[in-house]
Amino acid sequence: MRAAGLKLAVATSAEREELEPLLERAGASDLIEHKASSDDAESSKPDPDIVQAALRRLGLPRSDVLMIGE
């Protein structure tokens, strides 16, 4: 995805200090450019606050973003 020029972000309900170790464990810490954690949002899942924080970090409109998750 990065080779195709896409910007990558993660939006997680994990706390900021938990996020980097999780990304390292997944082998993705050097791939993700923009990170949003529960510390960046008023409410956590299922509220969209964390996803909106990731969108702000990407600097892209929702219409230009694809979300992959579970």
N, C-alpha and C. Protein backbone atom coordinates (compact mmCIF):
# COMPACT_ATOMS: atom_id res chain seq x y z
N MET A 1 0.83 -1.19 0.00
CA MET A 1 0.00 0.00 0.00
C MET A 1 0.87 1.25 0.00
N ARG A 2 1.93 1.24 0.80
CA ARG A 2 2.82 2.41 0.80
C ARG A 2 3.52 2.56 -0.53
N ALA A 3 3.90 1.43 -1.16
CA ALA A 3 4.56 1.49 -2.46
C ALA A 3 3.64 2.11 -3.51
N ALA A 4 2.34 2.00 -3.30
CA ALA A 4 1.36 2.60 -4.21
C ALA A 4 1.12 4.08 -3.89
N GLY A 5 1.80 4.60 -2.87
CA GLY A 5 1.67 6.00 -2.51
C GLY A 5 0.55 6.31 -1.55
N LEU A 6 -0.02 5.28 -0.93
CA LEU A 6 -1.11 5.50 0.03
C LEU A 6 -0.54 5.91 1.38
N LYS A 7 -1.28 6.77 2.09
CA LYS A 7 -0.93 7.13 3.46
C LYS A 7 -1.59 6.09 4.37
N LEU A 8 -0.85 5.62 5.37
CA LEU A 8 -1.39 4.62 6.28
C LEU A 8 -1.54 5.20 7.68
N ALA A 9 -2.67 4.88 8.30
CA ALA A 9 -2.95 5.33 9.66
C ALA A 9 -3.55 4.18 10.44
N VAL A 10 -3.42 4.25 11.75
CA VAL A 10 -4.07 3.29 12.63
C VAL A 10 -4.93 4.08 13.62
N ALA A 11 -6.11 3.57 13.87
CA ALA A 11 -7.03 4.14 14.86
C ALA A 11 -7.37 3.01 15.82
N THR A 12 -6.96 3.16 17.07
CA THR A 12 -7.13 2.09 18.04
C THR A 12 -7.65 2.60 19.37
N SER A 13 -8.36 1.74 20.06
CA SER A 13 -8.83 2.10 21.40
C SER A 13 -7.75 1.83 22.44
N ALA A 14 -6.60 1.34 22.02
CA ALA A 14 -5.47 1.17 22.94
C ALA A 14 -4.97 2.55 23.37
N GLU A 15 -4.33 2.60 24.52
CA GLU A 15 -3.75 3.86 24.97
C GLU A 15 -2.45 4.13 24.24
N ARG A 16 -2.04 5.39 24.19
CA ARG A 16 -0.86 5.82 23.42
C ARG A 16 0.38 4.99 23.77
N GLU A 17 0.62 4.75 25.04
CA GLU A 17 1.84 4.01 25.43
C GLU A 17 1.77 2.53 25.06
N GLU A 18 0.58 2.02 24.80
CA GLU A 18 0.42 0.63 24.37
C GLU A 18 0.56 0.47 22.85
N LEU A 19 0.34 1.54 22.12
CA LEU A 19 0.25 1.47 20.67
C LEU A 19 1.55 1.05 19.99
N GLU A 20 2.66 1.69 20.30
CA GLU A 20 3.91 1.37 19.61
C GLU A 20 4.35 -0.07 19.86
N PRO A 21 4.30 -0.58 21.10
CA PRO A 21 4.64 -2.00 21.29
C PRO A 21 3.74 -2.95 20.51
N LEU A 22 2.45 -2.61 20.38
CA LEU A 22 1.54 -3.44 19.60
C LEU A 22 1.93 -3.42 18.11
N LEU A 23 2.25 -2.25 17.59
CA LEU A 23 2.67 -2.15 16.19
C LEU A 23 3.99 -2.88 15.95
N GLU A 24 4.91 -2.78 16.90
CA GLU A 24 6.18 -3.50 16.77
C GLU A 24 5.95 -5.00 16.76
N ARG A 25 5.09 -5.48 17.64
CA ARG A 25 4.78 -6.91 17.70
C ARG A 25 4.15 -7.39 16.40
N ALA A 26 3.37 -6.53 15.75
CA ALA A 26 2.72 -6.88 14.49
C ALA A 26 3.65 -6.69 13.29
N GLY A 27 4.84 -6.13 13.53
CA GLY A 27 5.77 -5.87 12.44
C GLY A 27 5.34 -4.71 11.56
N ALA A 28 4.57 -3.78 12.12
CA ALA A 28 4.03 -2.69 11.32
C ALA A 28 4.47 -1.30 11.79
N SER A 29 5.33 -1.21 12.79
CA SER A 29 5.66 0.10 13.35
C SER A 29 6.32 1.03 12.33
N ASP A 30 7.09 0.49 11.41
CA ASP A 30 7.74 1.35 10.41
C ASP A 30 6.85 1.61 9.20
N LEU A 31 5.68 1.01 9.15
CA LEU A 31 4.77 1.19 8.01
C LEU A 31 3.70 2.24 8.26
N ILE A 32 3.36 2.44 9.51
CA ILE A 32 2.25 3.33 9.86
C ILE A 32 2.77 4.74 10.09
N GLU A 33 2.26 5.68 9.31
CA GLU A 33 2.71 7.07 9.40
C GLU A 33 1.93 7.88 10.42
N HIS A 34 0.65 7.59 10.56
CA HIS A 34 -0.24 8.39 11.40
C HIS A 34 -0.92 7.47 12.40
N LYS A 35 -0.92 7.88 13.67
CA LYS A 35 -1.46 7.03 14.73
C LYS A 35 -2.44 7.81 15.59
N ALA A 36 -3.59 7.20 15.87
CA ALA A 36 -4.59 7.78 16.76
C ALA A 36 -4.96 6.72 17.79
N SER A 37 -4.88 7.09 19.05
CA SER A 37 -5.20 6.15 20.13
C SER A 37 -6.36 6.69 20.95
N SER A 38 -6.72 5.96 21.98
CA SER A 38 -7.82 6.41 22.84
C SER A 38 -7.50 7.74 23.51
N ASP A 39 -6.21 8.08 23.62
CA ASP A 39 -5.82 9.36 24.21
C ASP A 39 -6.17 10.54 23.30
N ASP A 40 -6.46 10.27 22.04
CA ASP A 40 -6.77 11.31 21.07
C ASP A 40 -8.26 11.53 20.88
N ALA A 41 -9.07 10.84 21.67
CA ALA A 41 -10.52 10.91 21.47
C ALA A 41 -11.24 11.04 22.80
N GLU A 42 -12.39 11.70 22.76
CA GLU A 42 -13.20 11.82 23.96
C GLU A 42 -13.84 10.49 24.31
N SER A 43 -14.34 9.80 23.30
CA SER A 43 -15.02 8.52 23.50
C SER A 43 -14.30 7.44 22.71
N SER A 44 -14.42 6.23 23.17
CA SER A 44 -13.79 5.10 22.49
C SER A 44 -14.85 4.34 21.70
N LYS A 45 -14.43 3.25 21.08
CA LYS A 45 -15.34 2.44 20.28
C LYS A 45 -16.58 2.08 21.10
N PRO A 46 -17.72 2.06 20.52
CA PRO A 46 -18.06 2.14 19.10
C PRO A 46 -18.20 3.57 18.57
N ASP A 47 -17.99 4.59 19.41
CA ASP A 47 -18.05 5.97 18.91
C ASP A 47 -16.96 6.19 17.87
N PRO A 48 -17.20 7.05 16.89
CA PRO A 48 -16.25 7.26 15.80
C PRO A 48 -15.11 8.23 16.13
N ASP A 49 -14.98 8.68 17.37
CA ASP A 49 -14.00 9.71 17.72
C ASP A 49 -12.57 9.34 17.33
N ILE A 50 -12.16 8.10 17.55
CA ILE A 50 -10.79 7.70 17.24
C ILE A 50 -10.56 7.70 15.73
N VAL A 51 -11.54 7.24 14.98
CA VAL A 51 -11.43 7.25 13.51
C VAL A 51 -11.36 8.69 13.02
N GLN A 52 -12.13 9.58 13.59
CA GLN A 52 -12.09 10.99 13.20
C GLN A 52 -10.72 11.60 13.53
N ALA A 53 -10.12 11.20 14.63
CA ALA A 53 -8.78 11.68 14.98
C ALA A 53 -7.77 11.20 13.94
N ALA A 54 -7.90 9.96 13.49
CA ALA A 54 -7.00 9.44 12.45
C ALA A 54 -7.20 10.19 11.14
N LEU A 55 -8.43 10.52 10.80
CA LEU A 55 -8.70 11.29 9.58
C LEU A 55 -8.04 12.66 9.66
N ARG A 56 -8.12 13.31 10.81
CA ARG A 56 -7.47 14.62 10.98
C ARG A 56 -5.97 14.49 10.77
N ARG A 57 -5.38 13.44 11.31
CA ARG A 57 -3.94 13.23 11.15
C ARG A 57 -3.55 12.97 9.70
N LEU A 58 -4.40 12.25 8.98
CA LEU A 58 -4.14 11.99 7.56
C LEU A 58 -4.26 13.26 6.72
N GLY A 59 -5.15 14.15 7.14
CA GLY A 59 -5.38 15.37 6.38
C GLY A 59 -6.14 15.12 5.09
N LEU A 60 -6.95 14.08 5.09
CA LEU A 60 -7.72 13.72 3.89
C LEU A 60 -9.21 13.73 4.21
N PRO A 61 -10.04 14.02 3.22
CA PRO A 61 -11.49 13.92 3.43
C PRO A 61 -11.90 12.45 3.51
N ARG A 62 -12.98 12.18 4.20
CA ARG A 62 -13.48 10.81 4.34
C ARG A 62 -13.67 10.12 2.99
N SER A 63 -14.05 10.89 1.99
CA SER A 63 -14.32 10.31 0.67
C SER A 63 -13.05 9.75 0.01
N ASP A 64 -11.89 10.13 0.50
CA ASP A 64 -10.62 9.66 -0.06
C ASP A 64 -9.95 8.58 0.79
N VAL A 65 -10.67 8.05 1.78
CA VAL A 65 -10.08 7.12 2.75
C VAL A 65 -10.81 5.78 2.70
N LEU A 66 -10.04 4.72 2.80
CA LEU A 66 -10.58 3.37 2.92
C LEU A 66 -10.22 2.86 4.31
N MET A 67 -11.22 2.39 5.04
CA MET A 67 -10.98 1.86 6.38
C MET A 67 -11.06 0.34 6.33
N ILE A 68 -10.03 -0.28 6.90
CA ILE A 68 -9.99 -1.74 7.00
C ILE A 68 -9.93 -2.07 8.48
N GLY A 69 -10.80 -2.91 8.96
CA GLY A 69 -10.79 -3.23 10.38
C GLY A 69 -11.78 -4.31 10.72
N GLU A 70 -11.82 -4.59 12.01
CA GLU A 70 -12.79 -5.56 12.49
C GLU A 70 -13.50 -5.04 13.69
